[in-house]
Amino acid sequence: MKKTELEKIRELTEAELDNRLADLKKELFNLRFQHAINQLDNPMRLKAVKKEIAIINTVIRENELKEQA
Protein backbone atom coordinates (compact mmCIF):
# COMPACT_ATOMS: atom_id res chain seq x y z
CA MET A 1 0.00 0.00 0.00
CA LYS A 2 1.36 3.38 -0.95
CA LYS A 3 1.82 6.16 1.53
CA THR A 4 -0.84 8.29 -0.14
CA GLU A 5 -3.40 5.49 0.20
CA LEU A 6 -2.56 5.16 3.89
CA GLU A 7 -2.98 8.91 4.35
CA LYS A 8 -6.39 8.70 2.67
CA ILE A 9 -7.42 5.93 5.08
CA ARG A 10 -6.26 7.98 8.05
CA GLU A 11 -8.41 10.92 6.88
CA LEU A 12 -11.62 8.85 6.92
CA THR A 13 -14.11 9.27 9.73
CA GLU A 14 -14.85 6.51 12.21
CA ALA A 15 -18.14 5.64 10.49
CA GLU A 16 -16.45 5.47 7.08
CA LEU A 17 -13.75 3.20 8.52
CA ASP A 18 -16.39 0.92 10.02
CA ASN A 19 -18.26 0.74 6.71
CA ARG A 20 -15.10 -0.02 4.76
CA LEU A 21 -14.10 -2.66 7.30
CA ALA A 22 -17.49 -4.35 7.01
CA ASP A 23 -17.25 -4.32 3.20
CA LEU A 24 -13.77 -5.83 3.29
CA LYS A 25 -14.87 -8.57 5.69
CA LYS A 26 -17.74 -9.46 3.34
CA GLU A 27 -15.32 -9.53 0.41
CA LEU A 28 -12.91 -11.74 2.37
CA PHE A 29 -15.74 -14.15 3.17
CA ASN A 30 -16.71 -14.33 -0.51
CA LEU A 31 -13.09 -14.84 -1.58
CA ARG A 32 -12.65 -17.67 0.94
CA PHE A 33 -15.84 -19.27 -0.31
CA GLN A 34 -14.67 -19.01 -3.92
CA HIS A 35 -11.30 -20.47 -2.91
CA ALA A 36 -12.99 -23.42 -1.22
CA ILE A 37 -14.90 -24.35 -4.37
CA ASN A 38 -11.92 -23.65 -6.68
CA GLN A 39 -13.42 -20.66 -8.47
CA LEU A 40 -10.97 -18.04 -7.23
CA ASP A 41 -9.35 -16.20 -10.15
CA ASN A 42 -6.76 -14.20 -8.22
CA PRO A 43 -5.56 -15.88 -4.99
CA MET A 44 -3.34 -12.90 -4.18
CA ARG A 45 -6.49 -10.86 -3.59
CA LEU A 46 -6.99 -12.82 -0.34
CA LYS A 47 -3.68 -11.53 0.99
CA ALA A 48 -4.40 -7.97 -0.13
CA VAL A 49 -7.82 -7.90 1.54
CA LYS A 50 -6.41 -9.29 4.80
CA LYS A 51 -3.68 -6.65 4.75
CA GLU A 52 -6.16 -3.84 4.17
CA ILE A 53 -8.33 -5.12 7.03
CA ALA A 54 -5.28 -5.07 9.30
CA ILE A 55 -4.40 -1.52 8.24
CA ILE A 56 -7.92 -0.28 8.93
CA ASN A 57 -7.96 -1.98 12.33
CA THR A 58 -4.64 -0.31 13.13
CA VAL A 59 -5.94 3.13 12.13
CA ILE A 60 -9.07 2.60 14.25
CA ARG A 61 -6.88 1.68 17.23
CA GLU A 62 -4.64 4.72 16.65
CA ASN A 63 -7.72 6.95 16.70
CA GLU A 64 -8.89 5.36 19.97
CA LEU A 65 -5.51 6.00 21.58
CA LYS A 66 -5.52 9.62 20.41
CA GLU A 67 -8.94 10.14 22.01
CA GLN A 68 -7.75 8.70 25.33
CA ALA A 69 -4.68 10.94 25.48
PDB file of N, CA and C in Angstrom:
ATOM      1  N   MET A   1       0.851  -1.180   0.000  1.00  0.00           N
ATOM      2  CA  MET A   1       0.000   0.000   0.000  1.00  0.00           C
ATOM      3  C   MET A   1       0.889   1.233   0.000  1.00  0.00           C
ATOM      4  N   LYS A   2       0.571   2.163  -0.846  1.00  0.00           N
ATOM      5  CA  LYS A   2       1.365   3.379  -0.954  1.00  0.00           C
ATOM      6  C   LYS A   2       1.058   4.321   0.197  1.00  0.00           C
ATOM      7  N   LYS A   3       1.971   5.221   0.440  1.00  0.00           N
ATOM      8  CA  LYS A   3       1.818   6.162   1.533  1.00  0.00           C
ATOM      9  C   LYS A   3       0.598   7.061   1.346  1.00  0.00           C
ATOM     10  N   THR A   4       0.317   7.431   0.112  1.00  0.00           N
ATOM     11  CA  THR A   4      -0.836   8.294  -0.138  1.00  0.00           C
ATOM     12  C   THR A   4      -2.142   7.565   0.171  1.00  0.00           C
ATOM     13  N   GLU A   5      -2.196   6.258  -0.111  1.00  0.00           N
ATOM     14  CA  GLU A   5      -3.396   5.486   0.204  1.00  0.00           C
ATOM     15  C   GLU A   5      -3.591   5.392   1.708  1.00  0.00           C
ATOM     16  N   LEU A   6      -2.490   5.224   2.433  1.00  0.00           N
ATOM     17  CA  LEU A   6      -2.562   5.165   3.889  1.00  0.00           C
ATOM     18  C   LEU A   6      -3.028   6.497   4.461  1.00  0.00           C
ATOM     19  N   GLU A   7      -2.550   7.580   3.898  1.00  0.00           N
ATOM     20  CA  GLU A   7      -2.982   8.905   4.355  1.00  0.00           C
ATOM     21  C   GLU A   7      -4.472   9.098   4.102  1.00  0.00           C
ATOM     22  N   LYS A   8      -4.960   8.606   2.971  1.00  0.00           N
ATOM     23  CA  LYS A   8      -6.393   8.701   2.670  1.00  0.00           C
ATOM     24  C   LYS A   8      -7.208   7.909   3.687  1.00  0.00           C
ATOM     25  N   ILE A   9      -6.713   6.739   4.087  1.00  0.00           N
ATOM     26  CA  ILE A   9      -7.416   5.932   5.080  1.00  0.00           C
ATOM     27  C   ILE A   9      -7.432   6.646   6.419  1.00  0.00           C
ATOM     28  N   ARG A  10      -6.325   7.277   6.772  1.00  0.00           N
ATOM     29  CA  ARG A  10      -6.257   7.982   8.053  1.00  0.00           C
ATOM     30  C   ARG A  10      -7.181   9.201   8.097  1.00  0.00           C
ATOM     31  N   GLU A  11      -7.519   9.755   6.935  1.00  0.00           N
ATOM     32  CA  GLU A  11      -8.408  10.920   6.882  1.00  0.00           C
ATOM     33  C   GLU A  11      -9.883  10.548   7.002  1.00  0.00           C
ATOM     34  N   LEU A  12     -10.217   9.274   6.866  1.00  0.00           N
ATOM     35  CA  LEU A  12     -11.616   8.849   6.921  1.00  0.00           C
ATOM     36  C   LEU A  12     -12.164   8.982   8.338  1.00  0.00           C
ATOM     37  N   THR A  13     -13.466   9.204   8.431  1.00  0.00           N
ATOM     38  CA  THR A  13     -14.111   9.273   9.734  1.00  0.00           C
ATOM     39  C   THR A  13     -14.285   7.871  10.289  1.00  0.00           C
ATOM     40  N   GLU A  14     -14.664   7.803  11.546  1.00  0.00           N
ATOM     41  CA  GLU A  14     -14.847   6.508  12.205  1.00  0.00           C
ATOM     42  C   GLU A  14     -15.949   5.689  11.530  1.00  0.00           C
ATOM     43  N   ALA A  15     -17.031   6.345  11.148  1.00  0.00           N
ATOM     44  CA  ALA A  15     -18.136   5.645  10.488  1.00  0.00           C
ATOM     45  C   ALA A  15     -17.700   5.107   9.124  1.00  0.00           C
ATOM     46  N   GLU A  16     -16.939   5.909   8.386  1.00  0.00           N
ATOM     47  CA  GLU A  16     -16.454   5.467   7.078  1.00  0.00           C
ATOM     48  C   GLU A  16     -15.497   4.286   7.224  1.00  0.00           C
ATOM     49  N   LEU A  17     -14.654   4.319   8.265  1.00  0.00           N
ATOM     50  CA  LEU A  17     -13.748   3.202   8.517  1.00  0.00           C
ATOM     51  C   LEU A  17     -14.523   1.935   8.844  1.00  0.00           C
ATOM     52  N   ASP A  18     -15.565   2.081   9.668  1.00  0.00           N
ATOM     53  CA  ASP A  18     -16.387   0.924  10.021  1.00  0.00           C
ATOM     54  C   ASP A  18     -17.084   0.340   8.794  1.00  0.00           C
ATOM     55  N   ASN A  19     -17.601   1.211   7.928  1.00  0.00           N
ATOM     56  CA  ASN A  19     -18.260   0.739   6.709  1.00  0.00           C
ATOM     57  C   ASN A  19     -17.277   0.021   5.791  1.00  0.00           C
ATOM     58  N   ARG A  20     -16.112   0.591   5.636  1.00  0.00           N
ATOM     59  CA  ARG A  20     -15.102  -0.021   4.759  1.00  0.00           C
ATOM     60  C   ARG A  20     -14.638  -1.354   5.320  1.00  0.00           C
ATOM     61  N   LEU A  21     -14.506  -1.417   6.650  1.00  0.00           N
ATOM     62  CA  LEU A  21     -14.101  -2.658   7.300  1.00  0.00           C
ATOM     63  C   LEU A  21     -15.150  -3.745   7.090  1.00  0.00           C
ATOM     64  N   ALA A  22     -16.408  -3.385   7.226  1.00  0.00           N
ATOM     65  CA  ALA A  22     -17.486  -4.351   7.005  1.00  0.00           C
ATOM     66  C   ALA A  22     -17.493  -4.843   5.563  1.00  0.00           C
ATOM     67  N   ASP A  23     -17.297  -3.934   4.620  1.00  0.00           N
ATOM     68  CA  ASP A  23     -17.252  -4.323   3.199  1.00  0.00           C
ATOM     69  C   ASP A  23     -16.088  -5.274   2.922  1.00  0.00           C
ATOM     70  N   LEU A  24     -14.937  -4.980   3.510  1.00  0.00           N
ATOM     71  CA  LEU A  24     -13.771  -5.835   3.292  1.00  0.00           C
ATOM     72  C   LEU A  24     -13.966  -7.212   3.911  1.00  0.00           C
ATOM     73  N   LYS A  25     -14.620  -7.269   5.062  1.00  0.00           N
ATOM     74  CA  LYS A  25     -14.874  -8.570   5.690  1.00  0.00           C
ATOM     75  C   LYS A  25     -15.829  -9.400   4.844  1.00  0.00           C
ATOM     76  N   LYS A  26     -16.828  -8.747   4.244  1.00  0.00           N
ATOM     77  CA  LYS A  26     -17.738  -9.462   3.341  1.00  0.00           C
ATOM     78  C   LYS A  26     -16.976  -9.970   2.118  1.00  0.00           C
ATOM     79  N   GLU A  27     -16.104  -9.124   1.578  1.00  0.00           N
ATOM     80  CA  GLU A  27     -15.320  -9.526   0.413  1.00  0.00           C
ATOM     81  C   GLU A  27     -14.403 -10.697   0.756  1.00  0.00           C
ATOM     82  N   LEU A  28     -13.789 -10.656   1.945  1.00  0.00           N
ATOM     83  CA  LEU A  28     -12.907 -11.741   2.369  1.00  0.00           C
ATOM     84  C   LEU A  28     -13.696 -13.041   2.500  1.00  0.00           C
ATOM     85  N   PHE A  29     -14.897 -12.962   3.047  1.00  0.00           N
ATOM     86  CA  PHE A  29     -15.738 -14.151   3.166  1.00  0.00           C
ATOM     87  C   PHE A  29     -16.027 -14.731   1.784  1.00  0.00           C
ATOM     88  N   ASN A  30     -16.407 -13.868   0.847  1.00  0.00           N
ATOM     89  CA  ASN A  30     -16.707 -14.330  -0.509  1.00  0.00           C
ATOM     90  C   ASN A  30     -15.483 -14.931  -1.191  1.00  0.00           C
ATOM     91  N   LEU A  31     -14.320 -14.308  -0.984  1.00  0.00           N
ATOM     92  CA  LEU A  31     -13.094 -14.839  -1.576  1.00  0.00           C
ATOM     93  C   LEU A  31     -12.748 -16.202  -0.996  1.00  0.00           C
ATOM     94  N   ARG A  32     -12.927 -16.372   0.316  1.00  0.00           N
ATOM     95  CA  ARG A  32     -12.653 -17.668   0.939  1.00  0.00           C
ATOM     96  C   ARG A  32     -13.612 -18.731   0.418  1.00  0.00           C
ATOM     97  N   PHE A  33     -14.845 -18.346   0.226  1.00  0.00           N
ATOM     98  CA  PHE A  33     -15.838 -19.272  -0.306  1.00  0.00           C
ATOM     99  C   PHE A  33     -15.461 -19.680  -1.726  1.00  0.00           C
ATOM    100  N   GLN A  34     -15.084 -18.716  -2.548  1.00  0.00           N
ATOM    101  CA  GLN A  34     -14.666 -19.015  -3.918  1.00  0.00           C
ATOM    102  C   GLN A  34     -13.426 -19.913  -3.921  1.00  0.00           C
ATOM    103  N   HIS A  35     -12.511 -19.666  -3.004  1.00  0.00           N
ATOM    104  CA  HIS A  35     -11.297 -20.468  -2.912  1.00  0.00           C
ATOM    105  C   HIS A  35     -11.635 -21.916  -2.541  1.00  0.00           C
ATOM    106  N   ALA A  36     -12.615 -22.086  -1.670  1.00  0.00           N
ATOM    107  CA  ALA A  36     -12.989 -23.422  -1.220  1.00  0.00           C
ATOM    108  C   ALA A  36     -13.586 -24.252  -2.353  1.00  0.00           C
ATOM    109  N   ILE A  37     -14.286 -23.601  -3.269  1.00  0.00           N
ATOM    110  CA  ILE A  37     -14.895 -24.345  -4.374  1.00  0.00           C
ATOM    111  C   ILE A  37     -14.117 -24.179  -5.676  1.00  0.00           C
ATOM    112  N   ASN A  38     -12.859 -23.764  -5.547  1.00  0.00           N
ATOM    113  CA  ASN A  38     -11.920 -23.652  -6.678  1.00  0.00           C
ATOM    114  C   ASN A  38     -12.416 -22.748  -7.803  1.00  0.00           C
ATOM    115  N   GLN A  39     -12.998 -21.626  -7.463  1.00  0.00           N
ATOM    116  CA  GLN A  39     -13.416 -20.656  -8.469  1.00  0.00           C
ATOM    117  C   GLN A  39     -12.705 -19.317  -8.317  1.00  0.00           C
ATOM    118  N   LEU A  40     -11.680 -19.287  -7.494  1.00  0.00           N
ATOM    119  CA  LEU A  40     -10.973 -18.038  -7.230  1.00  0.00           C
ATOM    120  C   LEU A  40     -10.010 -17.740  -8.380  1.00  0.00           C
ATOM    121  N   ASP A  41     -10.189 -16.578  -9.015  1.00  0.00           N
ATOM    122  CA  ASP A  41      -9.351 -16.196 -10.150  1.00  0.00           C
ATOM    123  C   ASP A  41      -7.995 -15.669  -9.701  1.00  0.00           C
ATOM    124  N   ASN A  42      -7.993 -14.838  -8.660  1.00  0.00           N
ATOM    125  CA  ASN A  42      -6.761 -14.199  -8.218  1.00  0.00           C
ATOM    126  C   ASN A  42      -6.531 -14.503  -6.732  1.00  0.00           C
ATOM    127  N   PRO A  43      -5.767 -15.525  -6.398  1.00  0.00           N
ATOM    128  CA  PRO A  43      -5.564 -15.879  -4.991  1.00  0.00           C
ATOM    129  C   PRO A  43      -4.787 -14.819  -4.201  1.00  0.00           C
ATOM    130  N   MET A  44      -4.072 -13.953  -4.885  1.00  0.00           N
ATOM    131  CA  MET A  44      -3.338 -12.899  -4.181  1.00  0.00           C
ATOM    132  C   MET A  44      -4.281 -11.843  -3.607  1.00  0.00           C
ATOM    133  N   ARG A  45      -5.501 -11.812  -4.104  1.00  0.00           N
ATOM    134  CA  ARG A  45      -6.488 -10.857  -3.590  1.00  0.00           C
ATOM    135  C   ARG A  45      -6.814 -11.166  -2.130  1.00  0.00           C
ATOM    136  N   LEU A  46      -6.774 -12.441  -1.743  1.00  0.00           N
ATOM    137  CA  LEU A  46      -6.994 -12.820  -0.343  1.00  0.00           C
ATOM    138  C   LEU A  46      -5.998 -12.101   0.563  1.00  0.00           C
ATOM    139  N   LYS A  47      -4.738 -12.157   0.191  1.00  0.00           N
ATOM    140  CA  LYS A  47      -3.681 -11.526   0.986  1.00  0.00           C
ATOM    141  C   LYS A  47      -3.871 -10.014   1.050  1.00  0.00           C
ATOM    142  N   ALA A  48      -4.223  -9.415  -0.080  1.00  0.00           N
ATOM    143  CA  ALA A  48      -4.396  -7.967  -0.132  1.00  0.00           C
ATOM    144  C   ALA A  48      -5.561  -7.515   0.747  1.00  0.00           C
ATOM    145  N   VAL A  49      -6.651  -8.268   0.730  1.00  0.00           N
ATOM    146  CA  VAL A  49      -7.816  -7.896   1.542  1.00  0.00           C
ATOM    147  C   VAL A  49      -7.489  -8.035   3.027  1.00  0.00           C
ATOM    148  N   LYS A  50      -6.805  -9.109   3.393  1.00  0.00           N
ATOM    149  CA  LYS A  50      -6.415  -9.291   4.796  1.00  0.00           C
ATOM    150  C   LYS A  50      -5.522  -8.145   5.265  1.00  0.00           C
ATOM    151  N   LYS A  51      -4.600  -7.743   4.402  1.00  0.00           N
ATOM    152  CA  LYS A  51      -3.677  -6.654   4.752  1.00  0.00           C
ATOM    153  C   LYS A  51      -4.431  -5.340   4.933  1.00  0.00           C
ATOM    154  N   GLU A  52      -5.390  -5.077   4.049  1.00  0.00           N
ATOM    155  CA  GLU A  52      -6.159  -3.842   4.168  1.00  0.00           C
ATOM    156  C   GLU A  52      -7.023  -3.840   5.427  1.00  0.00           C
ATOM    157  N   ILE A  53      -7.568  -5.000   5.786  1.00  0.00           N
ATOM    158  CA  ILE A  53      -8.335  -5.117   7.033  1.00  0.00           C
ATOM    159  C   ILE A  53      -7.428  -4.795   8.215  1.00  0.00           C
ATOM    160  N   ALA A  54      -6.222  -5.327   8.213  1.00  0.00           N
ATOM    161  CA  ALA A  54      -5.280  -5.073   9.304  1.00  0.00           C
ATOM    162  C   ALA A  54      -4.921  -3.588   9.397  1.00  0.00           C
ATOM    163  N   ILE A  55      -4.733  -2.950   8.261  1.00  0.00           N
ATOM    164  CA  ILE A  55      -4.397  -1.524   8.244  1.00  0.00           C
ATOM    165  C   ILE A  55      -5.548  -0.705   8.825  1.00  0.00           C
ATOM    166  N   ILE A  56      -6.774  -1.028   8.424  1.00  0.00           N
ATOM    167  CA  ILE A  56      -7.924  -0.277   8.927  1.00  0.00           C
ATOM    168  C   ILE A  56      -8.083  -0.493  10.423  1.00  0.00           C
ATOM    169  N   ASN A  57      -7.888  -1.732  10.898  1.00  0.00           N
ATOM    170  CA  ASN A  57      -7.956  -1.982  12.335  1.00  0.00           C
ATOM    171  C   ASN A  57      -6.886  -1.194  13.083  1.00  0.00           C
ATOM    172  N   THR A  58      -5.715  -1.071  12.503  1.00  0.00           N
ATOM    173  CA  THR A  58      -4.637  -0.308  13.127  1.00  0.00           C
ATOM    174  C   THR A  58      -4.993   1.170  13.204  1.00  0.00           C
ATOM    175  N   VAL A  59      -5.561   1.717  12.141  1.00  0.00           N
ATOM    176  CA  VAL A  59      -5.944   3.130  12.134  1.00  0.00           C
ATOM    177  C   VAL A  59      -7.057   3.381  13.160  1.00  0.00           C
ATOM    178  N   ILE A  60      -8.006   2.457  13.259  1.00  0.00           N
ATOM    179  CA  ILE A  60      -9.074   2.595  14.253  1.00  0.00           C
ATOM    180  C   ILE A  60      -8.473   2.619  15.659  1.00  0.00           C
ATOM    181  N   ARG A  61      -7.520   1.731  15.912  1.00  0.00           N
ATOM    182  CA  ARG A  61      -6.879   1.682  17.232  1.00  0.00           C
ATOM    183  C   ARG A  61      -6.071   2.956  17.496  1.00  0.00           C
ATOM    184  N   GLU A  62      -5.381   3.462  16.488  1.00  0.00           N
ATOM    185  CA  GLU A  62      -4.637   4.720  16.646  1.00  0.00           C
ATOM    186  C   GLU A  62      -5.575   5.852  17.034  1.00  0.00           C
ATOM    187  N   ASN A  63      -6.738   5.908  16.401  1.00  0.00           N
ATOM    188  CA  ASN A  63      -7.718   6.954  16.704  1.00  0.00           C
ATOM    189  C   ASN A  63      -8.228   6.820  18.128  1.00  0.00           C
ATOM    190  N   GLU A  64      -8.434   5.581  18.592  1.00  0.00           N
ATOM    191  CA  GLU A  64      -8.887   5.358  19.972  1.00  0.00           C
ATOM    192  C   GLU A  64      -7.835   5.851  20.963  1.00  0.00           C
ATOM    193  N   LEU A  65      -6.583   5.575  20.686  1.00  0.00           N
ATOM    194  CA  LEU A  65      -5.514   5.997  21.584  1.00  0.00           C
ATOM    195  C   LEU A  65      -5.359   7.515  21.598  1.00  0.00           C
ATOM    196  N   LYS A  66      -5.579   8.168  20.447  1.00  0.00           N
ATOM    197  CA  LYS A  66      -5.518   9.623  20.410  1.00  0.00           C
ATOM    198  C   LYS A  66      -6.621  10.235  21.263  1.00  0.00           C
ATOM    199  N   GLU A  67      -7.813   9.620  21.238  1.00  0.00           N
ATOM    200  CA  GLU A  67      -8.939  10.142  22.013  1.00  0.00           C
ATOM    201  C   GLU A  67      -8.683  10.005  23.510  1.00  0.00           C
ATOM    202  N   GLN A  68      -8.013   8.924  23.906  1.00  0.00           N
ATOM    203  CA  GLN A  68      -7.752   8.700  25.330  1.00  0.00           C
ATOM    204  C   GLN A  68      -6.702   9.660  25.856  1.00  0.00           C
ATOM    205  N   ALA A  69      -5.780  10.074  25.011  1.00  0.00           N
ATOM    206  CA  ALA A  69      -4.678  10.940  25.476  1.00  0.00           C
ATOM    207  C   ALA A  69      -5.112  12.377  25.641  1.00  0.00           C
TER     208      ALA A  69
END
